[in-house]
Amino acid sequence: LAPHPPIPTGKFKFRAFAADGHMKLDSAAMRALNLLPQPGDANKNMSLYGLLNKCKTSIGSRLLLRWLKQPLLNKADLEARLDLVQVFVEDHQLRQGMQERFLRHVPDLA
């Protein structure tokens, strides 16, 4: 990995979440699409969330959950997100470097 700049300790940014631009799914739609594990499911991997959640932090798991519950409506925004995800899926060294260098220093704000 190439050298990285020092970690900006204590300099995390907050962003307001705007619901416009996102689809609003009700519980019946989420259940029909099998997005989330159902109570009593013996295997949590039987839902889309269970299959996709390989997140290393609680914040990442919650973000994935929000993305599944409120998918983007704008095609360009969705394609930009998919392009970024593809970079991390294909580049193991980049992904591992981000996990080791940055993600372990992000506090959980839940």
Foldseek 3Di string as FASTA:
>chain_A
DDDDDADPPPDDDDDDDDLPQWDADDPVRCVVQQAFDDPPDPQRCPGVLNVPPPDPDPVVSVVVVCCSRIPGDDPVVVVVVVVVVVVCVVDVVVVVCCVVRPVVSDDDPD
